[in-house]
Amino acid sequence: MSRREYLRYKELTRRLVYSRLAFFNQHYQLAWRRVAIRDQVSRWGSCSSRKNLNFNYRLGFLPLELVDYVVVHELCHLVEMNHGAGFWALVAEAIPDWRERRLALKGYKFQR
């Protein structure tokens, strides 16, 4: 993929992520510092202890229900920085079928 194509997809993914964050944050009412769209090698998203949300530009190629899972997953890390029962209960508030979506996401591979 050319640099130009990458930047185009990165911007499309940025718009998608911001729109899904706004949608789900109507429920969660959380605050974050910044959002970054990156060319990550092995992660769909991450949340730092400084409350920065990072998302892979390749999210733009996934079905919306999987994008939603990743967005909610990272949003919930703003509250619970682990994968304990409290974290999954928060995820389930917006994505009750998170287990199925998590499994489906594992079927998608990163390609460079």
PDB file of N, CA and C in Angstrom:
ATOM      1  N   MET A   1       0.845  -1.168   0.000  1.00  0.00           N
ATOM      2  CA  MET A   1       0.000   0.000   0.000  1.00  0.00           C
ATOM      3  C   MET A   1       0.897   1.240   0.000  1.00  0.00           C
ATOM      4  N   SER A   2       0.551   2.191  -0.824  1.00  0.00           N
ATOM      5  CA  SER A   2       1.347   3.416  -0.901  1.00  0.00           C
ATOM      6  C   SER A   2       1.092   4.294   0.325  1.00  0.00           C
ATOM      7  N   ARG A   3       1.982   5.216   0.550  1.00  0.00           N
ATOM      8  CA  ARG A   3       1.839   6.161   1.668  1.00  0.00           C
ATOM      9  C   ARG A   3       0.542   6.963   1.524  1.00  0.00           C
ATOM     10  N   ARG A   4       0.234   7.341   0.326  1.00  0.00           N
ATOM     11  CA  ARG A   4      -0.993   8.107   0.052  1.00  0.00           C
ATOM     12  C   ARG A   4      -2.248   7.314   0.418  1.00  0.00           C
ATOM     13  N   GLU A   5      -2.265   6.041   0.026  1.00  0.00           N
ATOM     14  CA  GLU A   5      -3.403   5.179   0.371  1.00  0.00           C
ATOM     15  C   GLU A   5      -3.506   5.001   1.881  1.00  0.00           C
ATOM     16  N   TYR A   6      -2.364   4.770   2.528  1.00  0.00           N
ATOM     17  CA  TYR A   6      -2.349   4.612   3.982  1.00  0.00           C
ATOM     18  C   TYR A   6      -2.948   5.841   4.659  1.00  0.00           C
ATOM     19  N   LEU A   7      -2.513   7.030   4.251  1.00  0.00           N
ATOM     20  CA  LEU A   7      -3.019   8.262   4.868  1.00  0.00           C
ATOM     21  C   LEU A   7      -4.519   8.424   4.624  1.00  0.00           C
ATOM     22  N   ARG A   8      -4.983   8.024   3.462  1.00  0.00           N
ATOM     23  CA  ARG A   8      -6.417   8.089   3.159  1.00  0.00           C
ATOM     24  C   ARG A   8      -7.197   7.152   4.083  1.00  0.00           C
ATOM     25  N   TYR A   9      -6.735   5.910   4.210  1.00  0.00           N
ATOM     26  CA  TYR A   9      -7.419   4.944   5.076  1.00  0.00           C
ATOM     27  C   TYR A   9      -7.332   5.356   6.540  1.00  0.00           C
ATOM     28  N   LYS A  10      -6.204   5.934   6.916  1.00  0.00           N
ATOM     29  CA  LYS A  10      -6.031   6.395   8.288  1.00  0.00           C
ATOM     30  C   LYS A  10      -7.073   7.466   8.617  1.00  0.00           C
ATOM     31  N   GLU A  11      -7.288   8.403   7.716  1.00  0.00           N
ATOM     32  CA  GLU A  11      -8.271   9.462   7.944  1.00  0.00           C
ATOM     33  C   GLU A  11      -9.693   8.914   7.966  1.00  0.00           C
ATOM     34  N   LEU A  12      -9.995   7.979   7.086  1.00  0.00           N
ATOM     35  CA  LEU A  12     -11.326   7.351   7.092  1.00  0.00           C
ATOM     36  C   LEU A  12     -11.565   6.614   8.414  1.00  0.00           C
ATOM     37  N   THR A  13     -10.549   5.918   8.886  1.00  0.00           N
ATOM     38  CA  THR A  13     -10.664   5.205  10.153  1.00  0.00           C
ATOM     39  C   THR A  13     -10.799   6.190  11.306  1.00  0.00           C
ATOM     40  N   ARG A  14     -10.095   7.301  11.255  1.00  0.00           N
ATOM     41  CA  ARG A  14     -10.203   8.320  12.300  1.00  0.00           C
ATOM     42  C   ARG A  14     -11.663   8.799  12.420  1.00  0.00           C
ATOM     43  N   ARG A  15     -12.274   9.105  11.294  1.00  0.00           N
ATOM     44  CA  ARG A  15     -13.678   9.562  11.313  1.00  0.00           C
ATOM     45  C   ARG A  15     -14.599   8.486  11.862  1.00  0.00           C
ATOM     46  N   LEU A  16     -14.367   7.251  11.452  1.00  0.00           N
ATOM     47  CA  LEU A  16     -15.178   6.131  11.934  1.00  0.00           C
ATOM     48  C   LEU A  16     -15.026   5.970  13.448  1.00  0.00           C
ATOM     49  N   VAL A  17     -13.803   5.964  13.936  1.00  0.00           N
ATOM     50  CA  VAL A  17     -13.548   5.780  15.367  1.00  0.00           C
ATOM     51  C   VAL A  17     -14.170   6.909  16.176  1.00  0.00           C
ATOM     52  N   TYR A  18     -13.993   8.145  15.740  1.00  0.00           N
ATOM     53  CA  TYR A  18     -14.585   9.264  16.476  1.00  0.00           C
ATOM     54  C   TYR A  18     -16.108   9.179  16.509  1.00  0.00           C
ATOM     55  N   SER A  19     -16.702   8.748  15.430  1.00  0.00           N
ATOM     56  CA  SER A  19     -18.167   8.641  15.426  1.00  0.00           C
ATOM     57  C   SER A  19     -18.643   7.526  16.357  1.00  0.00           C
ATOM     58  N   ARG A  20     -17.919   6.413  16.390  1.00  0.00           N
ATOM     59  CA  ARG A  20     -18.311   5.303  17.278  1.00  0.00           C
ATOM     60  C   ARG A  20     -18.017   5.644  18.743  1.00  0.00           C
ATOM     61  N   LEU A  21     -16.922   6.366  19.001  1.00  0.00           N
ATOM     62  CA  LEU A  21     -16.650   6.831  20.362  1.00  0.00           C
ATOM     63  C   LEU A  21     -17.782   7.737  20.844  1.00  0.00           C
ATOM     64  N   ALA A  22     -18.203   8.666  20.006  1.00  0.00           N
ATOM     65  CA  ALA A  22     -19.289   9.579  20.382  1.00  0.00           C
ATOM     66  C   ALA A  22     -20.570   8.801  20.656  1.00  0.00           C
ATOM     67  N   PHE A  23     -20.865   7.822  19.820  1.00  0.00           N
ATOM     68  CA  PHE A  23     -22.076   7.025  20.001  1.00  0.00           C
ATOM     69  C   PHE A  23     -22.050   6.273  21.336  1.00  0.00           C
ATOM     70  N   PHE A  24     -20.996   5.528  21.584  1.00  0.00           N
ATOM     71  CA  PHE A  24     -20.939   4.713  22.798  1.00  0.00           C
ATOM     72  C   PHE A  24     -20.697   5.546  24.057  1.00  0.00           C
ATOM     73  N   ASN A  25     -20.070   6.696  23.900  1.00  0.00           N
ATOM     74  CA  ASN A  25     -19.817   7.512  25.082  1.00  0.00           C
ATOM     75  C   ASN A  25     -21.080   8.215  25.575  1.00  0.00           C
ATOM     76  N   GLN A  26     -22.132   8.190  24.794  1.00  0.00           N
ATOM     77  CA  GLN A  26     -23.422   8.667  25.302  1.00  0.00           C
ATOM     78  C   GLN A  26     -23.840   7.820  26.501  1.00  0.00           C
ATOM     79  N   HIS A  27     -23.478   6.555  26.454  1.00  0.00           N
ATOM     80  CA  HIS A  27     -23.771   5.643  27.568  1.00  0.00           C
ATOM     81  C   HIS A  27     -22.728   5.764  28.682  1.00  0.00           C
ATOM     82  N   TYR A  28     -21.449   5.689  28.310  1.00  0.00           N
ATOM     83  CA  TYR A  28     -20.391   5.582  29.318  1.00  0.00           C
ATOM     84  C   TYR A  28     -20.016   6.928  29.961  1.00  0.00           C
ATOM     85  N   GLN A  29     -20.119   8.010  29.223  1.00  0.00           N
ATOM     86  CA  GLN A  29     -19.776   9.339  29.753  1.00  0.00           C
ATOM     87  C   GLN A  29     -18.354   9.389  30.335  1.00  0.00           C
ATOM     88  N   LEU A  30     -17.382   8.957  29.542  1.00  0.00           N
ATOM     89  CA  LEU A  30     -15.982   8.918  29.971  1.00  0.00           C
ATOM     90  C   LEU A  30     -15.178  10.000  29.265  1.00  0.00           C
ATOM     91  N   ALA A  31     -14.019  10.304  29.813  1.00  0.00           N
ATOM     92  CA  ALA A  31     -13.127  11.302  29.215  1.00  0.00           C
ATOM     93  C   ALA A  31     -11.790  10.653  28.894  1.00  0.00           C
ATOM     94  N   TRP A  32     -11.205  11.036  27.788  1.00  0.00           N
ATOM     95  CA  TRP A  32      -9.887  10.567  27.389  1.00  0.00           C
ATOM     96  C   TRP A  32      -9.056  11.787  27.013  1.00  0.00           C
ATOM     97  N   ARG A  33      -7.751  11.592  26.950  1.00  0.00           N
ATOM     98  CA  ARG A  33      -6.850  12.694  26.600  1.00  0.00           C
ATOM     99  C   ARG A  33      -6.784  12.907  25.106  1.00  0.00           C
ATOM    100  N   ARG A  34      -6.427  11.846  24.388  1.00  0.00           N
ATOM    101  CA  ARG A  34      -6.336  11.976  22.929  1.00  0.00           C
ATOM    102  C   ARG A  34      -6.600  10.631  22.280  1.00  0.00           C
ATOM    103  N   VAL A  35      -6.860  10.692  20.989  1.00  0.00           N
ATOM    104  CA  VAL A  35      -7.086   9.496  20.180  1.00  0.00           C
ATOM    105  C   VAL A  35      -6.055   9.508  19.058  1.00  0.00           C
ATOM    106  N   ALA A  36      -5.394   8.374  18.867  1.00  0.00           N
ATOM    107  CA  ALA A  36      -4.419   8.242  17.779  1.00  0.00           C
ATOM    108  C   ALA A  36      -4.814   7.064  16.900  1.00  0.00           C
ATOM    109  N   ILE A  37      -4.622   7.243  15.612  1.00  0.00           N
ATOM    110  CA  ILE A  37      -4.819   6.161  14.649  1.00  0.00           C
ATOM    111  C   ILE A  37      -3.430   5.794  14.159  1.00  0.00           C
ATOM    112  N   ARG A  38      -3.058   4.538  14.345  1.00  0.00           N
ATOM    113  CA  ARG A  38      -1.678   4.116  14.082  1.00  0.00           C
ATOM    114  C   ARG A  38      -1.641   2.901  13.154  1.00  0.00           C
ATOM    115  N   ASP A  39      -0.435   2.636  12.676  1.00  0.00           N
ATOM    116  CA  ASP A  39      -0.158   1.435  11.893  1.00  0.00           C
ATOM    117  C   ASP A  39       0.465   0.427  12.855  1.00  0.00           C
ATOM    118  N   GLN A  40      -0.380  -0.143  13.719  1.00  0.00           N
ATOM    119  CA  GLN A  40       0.105  -1.098  14.716  1.00  0.00           C
ATOM    120  C   GLN A  40       0.237  -2.478  14.082  1.00  0.00           C
ATOM    121  N   VAL A  41       1.214  -3.221  14.541  1.00  0.00           N
ATOM    122  CA  VAL A  41       1.514  -4.517  13.940  1.00  0.00           C
ATOM    123  C   VAL A  41       0.648  -5.637  14.520  1.00  0.00           C
ATOM    124  N   SER A  42       0.347  -5.576  15.803  1.00  0.00           N
ATOM    125  CA  SER A  42      -0.322  -6.731  16.405  1.00  0.00           C
ATOM    126  C   SER A  42      -1.524  -6.388  17.281  1.00  0.00           C
ATOM    127  N   ARG A  43      -1.956  -5.141  17.307  1.00  0.00           N
ATOM    128  CA  ARG A  43      -3.087  -4.757  18.152  1.00  0.00           C
ATOM    129  C   ARG A  43      -4.116  -3.983  17.353  1.00  0.00           C
ATOM    130  N   TRP A  44      -5.375  -4.216  17.673  1.00  0.00           N
ATOM    131  CA  TRP A  44      -6.462  -3.442  17.071  1.00  0.00           C
ATOM    132  C   TRP A  44      -6.633  -2.124  17.805  1.00  0.00           C
ATOM    133  N   GLY A  45      -6.286  -2.108  19.080  1.00  0.00           N
ATOM    134  CA  GLY A  45      -6.402  -0.889  19.856  1.00  0.00           C
ATOM    135  C   GLY A  45      -5.686  -1.035  21.176  1.00  0.00           C
ATOM    136  N   SER A  46      -5.518   0.088  21.855  1.00  0.00           N
ATOM    137  CA  SER A  46      -4.923   0.071  23.184  1.00  0.00           C
ATOM    138  C   SER A  46      -5.331   1.341  23.916  1.00  0.00           C
ATOM    139  N   CYS A  47      -5.178   1.295  25.228  1.00  0.00           N
ATOM    140  CA  CYS A  47      -5.474   2.434  26.089  1.00  0.00           C
ATOM    141  C   CYS A  47      -4.319   2.572  27.071  1.00  0.00           C
ATOM    142  N   SER A  48      -3.742   3.753  27.134  1.00  0.00           N
ATOM    143  CA  SER A  48      -2.607   3.960  28.033  1.00  0.00           C
ATOM    144  C   SER A  48      -3.096   4.392  29.410  1.00  0.00           C
ATOM    145  N   SER A  49      -2.228   4.285  30.380  1.00  0.00           N
ATOM    146  CA  SER A  49      -2.564   4.723  31.732  1.00  0.00           C
ATOM    147  C   SER A  49      -2.768   6.236  31.781  1.00  0.00           C
ATOM    148  N   ARG A  50      -2.319   6.939  30.769  1.00  0.00           N
ATOM    149  CA  ARG A  50      -2.514   8.395  30.678  1.00  0.00           C
ATOM    150  C   ARG A  50      -3.827   8.734  29.974  1.00  0.00           C
ATOM    151  N   LYS A  51      -4.637   7.704  29.725  1.00  0.00           N
ATOM    152  CA  LYS A  51      -5.962   7.855  29.104  1.00  0.00           C
ATOM    153  C   LYS A  51      -5.906   8.279  27.639  1.00  0.00           C
ATOM    154  N   ASN A  52      -4.878   7.791  26.943  1.00  0.00           N
ATOM    155  CA  ASN A  52      -4.785   7.971  25.497  1.00  0.00           C
ATOM    156  C   ASN A  52      -5.320   6.717  24.828  1.00  0.00           C
ATOM    157  N   LEU A  53      -6.188   6.891  23.855  1.00  0.00           N
ATOM    158  CA  LEU A  53      -6.748   5.762  23.113  1.00  0.00           C
ATOM    159  C   LEU A  53      -6.038   5.663  21.777  1.00  0.00           C
ATOM    160  N   ASN A  54      -5.597   4.456  21.441  1.00  0.00           N
ATOM    161  CA  ASN A  54      -4.902   4.193  20.184  1.00  0.00           C
ATOM    162  C   ASN A  54      -5.663   3.122  19.419  1.00  0.00           C
ATOM    163  N   PHE A  55      -5.816   3.349  18.123  1.00  0.00           N
ATOM    164  CA  PHE A  55      -6.535   2.399  17.284  1.00  0.00           C
ATOM    165  C   PHE A  55      -5.739   2.139  16.012  1.00  0.00           C
ATOM    166  N   ASN A  56      -5.852   0.916  15.525  1.00  0.00           N
ATOM    167  CA  ASN A  56      -5.193   0.501  14.296  1.00  0.00           C
ATOM    168  C   ASN A  56      -5.984   1.040  13.101  1.00  0.00           C
ATOM    169  N   TYR A  57      -5.287   1.598  12.124  1.00  0.00           N
ATOM    170  CA  TYR A  57      -5.979   2.124  10.949  1.00  0.00           C
ATOM    171  C   TYR A  57      -6.740   1.020  10.200  1.00  0.00           C
ATOM    172  N   ARG A  58      -6.346  -0.233  10.394  1.00  0.00           N
ATOM    173  CA  ARG A  58      -7.002  -1.347   9.705  1.00  0.00           C
ATOM    174  C   ARG A  58      -8.429  -1.614  10.216  1.00  0.00           C
ATOM    175  N   LEU A  59      -8.813  -0.963  11.310  1.00  0.00           N
ATOM    176  CA  LEU A  59     -10.198  -1.101  11.786  1.00  0.00           C
ATOM    177  C   LEU A  59     -11.180  -0.721  10.685  1.00  0.00           C
ATOM    178  N   GLY A  60     -10.775   0.199   9.840  1.00  0.00           N
ATOM    179  CA  GLY A  60     -11.642   0.649   8.750  1.00  0.00           C
ATOM    180  C   GLY A  60     -12.004  -0.438   7.765  1.00  0.00           C
ATOM    181  N   PHE A  61     -11.304  -1.557   7.806  1.00  0.00           N
ATOM    182  CA  PHE A  61     -11.570  -2.670   6.899  1.00  0.00           C
ATOM    183  C   PHE A  61     -12.454  -3.741   7.539  1.00  0.00           C
ATOM    184  N   LEU A  62     -12.763  -3.584   8.822  1.00  0.00           N
ATOM    185  CA  LEU A  62     -13.545  -4.593   9.556  1.00  0.00           C
ATOM    186  C   LEU A  62     -15.036  -4.294   9.486  1.00  0.00           C
ATOM    187  N   PRO A  63     -15.864  -5.317   9.708  1.00  0.00           N
ATOM    188  CA  PRO A  63     -17.299  -5.076   9.842  1.00  0.00           C
ATOM    189  C   PRO A  63     -17.569  -4.165  11.042  1.00  0.00           C
ATOM    190  N   LEU A  64     -18.609  -3.354  10.947  1.00  0.00           N
ATOM    191  CA  LEU A  64     -18.907  -2.361  11.982  1.00  0.00           C
ATOM    192  C   LEU A  64     -19.075  -2.981  13.364  1.00  0.00           C
ATOM    193  N   GLU A  65     -19.663  -4.173  13.456  1.00  0.00           N
ATOM    194  CA  GLU A  65     -19.865  -4.772  14.781  1.00  0.00           C
ATOM    195  C   GLU A  65     -18.537  -5.100  15.466  1.00  0.00           C
ATOM    196  N   LEU A  66     -17.486  -5.356  14.683  1.00  0.00           N
ATOM    197  CA  LEU A  66     -16.171  -5.614  15.268  1.00  0.00           C
ATOM    198  C   LEU A  66     -15.464  -4.310  15.620  1.00  0.00           C
ATOM    199  N   VAL A  67     -15.657  -3.283  14.804  1.00  0.00           N
ATOM    200  CA  VAL A  67     -15.133  -1.954  15.145  1.00  0.00           C
ATOM    201  C   VAL A  67     -15.745  -1.520  16.471  1.00  0.00           C
ATOM    202  N   ASP A  68     -17.050  -1.701  16.609  1.00  0.00           N
ATOM    203  CA  ASP A  68     -17.739  -1.318  17.836  1.00  0.00           C
ATOM    204  C   ASP A  68     -17.173  -2.061  19.042  1.00  0.00           C
ATOM    205  N   TYR A  69     -16.894  -3.336  18.878  1.00  0.00           N
ATOM    206  CA  TYR A  69     -16.312  -4.107  19.977  1.00  0.00           C
ATOM    207  C   TYR A  69     -14.969  -3.512  20.403  1.00  0.00           C
ATOM    208  N   VAL A  70     -14.099  -3.210  19.448  1.00  0.00           N
ATOM    209  CA  VAL A  70     -12.780  -2.668  19.769  1.00  0.00           C
ATOM    210  C   VAL A  70     -12.914  -1.295  20.435  1.00  0.00           C
ATOM    211  N   VAL A  71     -13.783  -0.450  19.912  1.00  0.00           N
ATOM    212  CA  VAL A  71     -13.969   0.889  20.477  1.00  0.00           C
ATOM    213  C   VAL A  71     -14.467   0.790  21.917  1.00  0.00           C
ATOM    214  N   VAL A  72     -15.473  -0.035  22.155  1.00  0.00           N
ATOM    215  CA  VAL A  72     -16.012  -0.192  23.515  1.00  0.00           C
ATOM    216  C   VAL A  72     -14.960  -0.815  24.427  1.00  0.00           C
ATOM    217  N   HIS A  73     -14.232  -1.792  23.941  1.00  0.00           N
ATOM    218  CA  HIS A  73     -13.176  -2.442  24.716  1.00  0.00           C
ATOM    219  C   HIS A  73     -12.186  -1.387  25.238  1.00  0.00           C
ATOM    220  N   GLU A  74     -11.726  -0.527  24.342  1.00  0.00           N
ATOM    221  CA  GLU A  74     -10.745   0.488  24.750  1.00  0.00           C
ATOM    222  C   GLU A  74     -11.384   1.550  25.637  1.00  0.00           C
ATOM    223  N   LEU A  75     -12.615   1.942  25.356  1.00  0.00           N
ATOM    224  CA  LEU A  75     -13.321   2.881  26.230  1.00  0.00           C
ATOM    225  C   LEU A  75     -13.382   2.348  27.661  1.00  0.00           C
ATOM    226  N   CYS A  76     -13.701   1.082  27.799  1.00  0.00           N
ATOM    227  CA  CYS A  76     -13.838   0.483  29.133  1.00  0.00           C
ATOM    228  C   CYS A  76     -12.505   0.414  29.874  1.00  0.00           C
ATOM    229  N   HIS A  77     -11.400   0.389  29.138  1.00  0.00           N
ATOM    230  CA  HIS A  77     -10.094   0.427  29.791  1.00  0.00           C
ATOM    231  C   HIS A  77      -9.830   1.778  30.459  1.00  0.00           C
ATOM    232  N   LEU A  78     -10.581   2.797  30.116  1.00  0.00           N
ATOM    233  CA  LEU A  78     -10.448   4.075  30.807  1.00  0.00           C
ATOM    234  C   LEU A  78     -10.878   3.951  32.260  1.00  0.00           C
ATOM    235  N   VAL A  79     -11.733   2.959  32.538  1.00  0.00           N
ATOM    236  CA  VAL A  79     -12.229   2.711  33.897  1.00  0.00           C
ATOM    237  C   VAL A  79     -11.468   1.567  34.551  1.00  0.00           C
ATOM    238  N   GLU A  80     -11.318   0.478  33.828  1.00  0.00           N
ATOM    239  CA  GLU A  80     -10.666  -0.745  34.328  1.00  0.00           C
ATOM    240  C   GLU A  80      -9.473  -1.057  33.427  1.00  0.00           C
ATOM    241  N   MET A  81      -8.270  -0.900  33.959  1.00  0.00           N
ATOM    242  CA  MET A  81      -7.061  -1.145  33.152  1.00  0.00           C
ATOM    243  C   MET A  81      -6.640  -2.619  33.188  1.00  0.00           C
ATOM    244  N   ASN A  82      -7.607  -3.499  33.227  1.00  0.00           N
ATOM    245  CA  ASN A  82      -7.327  -4.936  33.266  1.00  0.00           C
ATOM    246  C   ASN A  82      -8.445  -5.652  32.540  1.00  0.00           C
ATOM    247  N   HIS A  83      -8.382  -6.955  32.499  1.00  0.00           N
ATOM    248  CA  HIS A  83      -9.432  -7.762  31.878  1.00  0.00           C
ATOM    249  C   HIS A  83     -10.163  -8.599  32.923  1.00  0.00           C
ATOM    250  N   GLY A  84     -10.411  -8.014  34.074  1.00  0.00           N
ATOM    251  CA  GLY A  84     -11.120  -8.692  35.148  1.00  0.00           C
ATOM    252  C   GLY A  84     -12.629  -8.676  34.928  1.00  0.00           C
ATOM    253  N   ALA A  85     -13.346  -9.250  35.869  1.00  0.00           N
ATOM    254  CA  ALA A  85     -14.809  -9.354  35.770  1.00  0.00           C
ATOM    255  C   ALA A  85     -15.472  -7.981  35.651  1.00  0.00           C
ATOM    256  N   GLY A  86     -14.962  -6.992  36.379  1.00  0.00           N
ATOM    257  CA  GLY A  86     -15.535  -5.652  36.305  1.00  0.00           C
ATOM    258  C   GLY A  86     -15.399  -5.041  34.924  1.00  0.00           C
ATOM    259  N   PHE A  87     -14.255  -5.291  34.282  1.00  0.00           N
ATOM    260  CA  PHE A  87     -14.032  -4.794  32.926  1.00  0.00           C
ATOM    261  C   PHE A  87     -15.042  -5.400  31.963  1.00  0.00           C
ATOM    262  N   TRP A  88     -15.189  -6.730  31.998  1.00  0.00           N
ATOM    263  CA  TRP A  88     -16.087  -7.397  31.058  1.00  0.00           C
ATOM    264  C   TRP A  88     -17.549  -7.032  31.325  1.00  0.00           C
ATOM    265  N   ALA A  89     -17.893  -6.761  32.574  1.00  0.00           N
ATOM    266  CA  ALA A  89     -19.248  -6.302  32.888  1.00  0.00           C
ATOM    267  C   ALA A  89     -19.503  -4.937  32.245  1.00  0.00           C
ATOM    268  N   LEU A  90     -18.503  -4.061  32.270  1.00  0.00           N
ATOM    269  CA  LEU A  90     -18.634  -2.755  31.606  1.00  0.00           C
ATOM    270  C   LEU A  90     -18.803  -2.921  30.098  1.00  0.00           C
ATOM    271  N   VAL A  91     -17.990  -3.769  29.495  1.00  0.00           N
ATOM    272  CA  VAL A  91     -18.100  -4.024  28.056  1.00  0.00           C
ATOM    273  C   VAL A  91     -19.496  -4.540  27.724  1.00  0.00           C
ATOM    274  N   ALA A  92     -19.999  -5.458  28.533  1.00  0.00           N
ATOM    275  CA  ALA A  92     -21.298  -6.092  28.275  1.00  0.00           C
ATOM    276  C   ALA A  92     -22.460  -5.105  28.342  1.00  0.00           C
ATOM    277  N   GLU A  93     -22.284  -3.982  29.015  1.00  0.00           N
ATOM    278  CA  GLU A  93     -23.352  -2.983  29.054  1.00  0.00           C
ATOM    279  C   GLU A  93     -23.719  -2.507  27.655  1.00  0.00           C
ATOM    280  N   ALA A  94     -22.726  -2.379  26.785  1.00  0.00           N
ATOM    281  CA  ALA A  94     -22.968  -1.906  25.420  1.00  0.00           C
ATOM    282  C   ALA A  94     -22.868  -3.016  24.379  1.00  0.00           C
ATOM    283  N   ILE A  95     -22.084  -4.046  24.674  1.00  0.00           N
ATOM    284  CA  ILE A  95     -21.845  -5.144  23.724  1.00  0.00           C
ATOM    285  C   ILE A  95     -22.117  -6.463  24.454  1.00  0.00           C
ATOM    286  N   PRO A  96     -23.397  -6.823  24.613  1.00  0.00           N
ATOM    287  CA  PRO A  96     -23.697  -8.044  25.363  1.00  0.00           C
ATOM    288  C   PRO A  96     -23.131  -9.323  24.726  1.00  0.00           C
ATOM    289  N   ASP A  97     -22.922  -9.313  23.414  1.00  0.00           N
ATOM    290  CA  ASP A  97     -22.366 -10.488  22.731  1.00  0.00           C
ATOM    291  C   ASP A  97     -20.859 -10.328  22.487  1.00  0.00           C
ATOM    292  N   TRP A  98     -20.178  -9.691  23.437  1.00  0.00           N
ATOM    293  CA  TRP A  98     -18.755  -9.417  23.269  1.00  0.00           C
ATOM    294  C   TRP A  98     -17.930 -10.674  23.062  1.00  0.00           C
ATOM    295  N   ARG A  99     -18.323 -11.786  23.644  1.00  0.00           N
ATOM    296  CA  ARG A  99     -17.540 -13.029  23.480  1.00  0.00           C
ATOM    297  C   ARG A  99     -17.513 -13.469  22.019  1.00  0.00           C
ATOM    298  N   GLU A 100     -18.671 -13.422  21.367  1.00  0.00           N
ATOM    299  CA  GLU A 100     -18.750 -13.817  19.963  1.00  0.00           C
ATOM    300  C   GLU A 100     -17.945 -12.854  19.089  1.00  0.00           C
ATOM    301  N   ARG A 101     -18.056 -11.575  19.382  1.00  0.00           N
ATOM    302  CA  ARG A 101     -17.318 -10.585  18.590  1.00  0.00           C
ATOM    303  C   ARG A 101     -15.822 -10.717  18.802  1.00  0.00           C
ATOM    304  N   ARG A 102     -15.415 -10.982  20.029  1.00  0.00           N
ATOM    305  CA  ARG A 102     -13.991 -11.175  20.323  1.00  0.00           C
ATOM    306  C   ARG A 102     -13.446 -12.359  19.533  1.00  0.00           C
ATOM    307  N   LEU A 103     -14.202 -13.439  19.512  1.00  0.00           N
ATOM    308  CA  LEU A 103     -13.798 -14.620  18.757  1.00  0.00           C
ATOM    309  C   LEU A 103     -13.734 -14.318  17.260  1.00  0.00           C
ATOM    310  N   ALA A 104     -14.729 -13.600  16.748  1.00  0.00           N
ATOM    311  CA  ALA A 104     -14.742 -13.249  15.320  1.00  0.00           C
ATOM    312  C   ALA A 104     -13.540 -12.382  14.963  1.00  0.00           C
ATOM    313  N   LEU A 105     -13.164 -11.469  15.852  1.00  0.00           N
ATOM    314  CA  LEU A 105     -12.032 -10.577  15.597  1.00  0.00           C
ATOM    315  C   LEU A 105     -10.734 -11.363  15.467  1.00  0.00           C
ATOM    316  N   LYS A 106     -10.624 -12.452  16.200  1.00  0.00           N
ATOM    317  CA  LYS A 106      -9.405 -13.282  16.131  1.00  0.00           C
ATOM    318  C   LYS A 106      -9.218 -13.894  14.736  1.00  0.00           C
ATOM    319  N   GLY A 107     -10.290 -13.966  13.963  1.00  0.00           N
ATOM    320  CA  GLY A 107     -10.209 -14.507  12.604  1.00  0.00           C
ATOM    321  C   GLY A 107      -9.578 -13.566  11.601  1.00  0.00           C
ATOM    322  N   TYR A 108      -9.398 -12.320  11.972  1.00  0.00           N
ATOM    323  CA  TYR A 108      -8.815 -11.337  11.077  1.00  0.00           C
ATOM    324  C   TYR A 108      -7.322 -11.209  11.349  1.00  0.00           C
ATOM    325  N   LYS A 109      -6.537 -11.275  10.309  1.00  0.00           N
ATOM    326  CA  LYS A 109      -5.085 -11.230  10.432  1.00  0.00           C
ATOM    327  C   LYS A 109      -4.547  -9.889   9.950  1.00  0.00           C
ATOM    328  N   PHE A 110      -3.459  -9.447  10.543  1.00  0.00           N
ATOM    329  CA  PHE A 110      -2.788  -8.239  10.114  1.00  0.00           C
ATOM    330  C   PHE A 110      -1.961  -8.543   8.867  1.00  0.00           C
ATOM    331  N   GLN A 111      -2.039  -7.651   7.902  1.00  0.00           N
ATOM    332  CA  GLN A 111      -1.217  -7.823   6.715  1.00  0.00           C
ATOM    333  C   GLN A 111      -0.530  -6.508   6.408  1.00  0.00           C
ATOM    334  N   ARG A 112       0.697  -6.587   6.045  1.00  0.00           N
ATOM    335  CA  ARG A 112       1.454  -5.370   5.703  1.00  0.00           C
ATOM    336  C   ARG A 112       1.603  -5.262   4.214  1.00  0.00           C
TER     337      ARG A 112
END
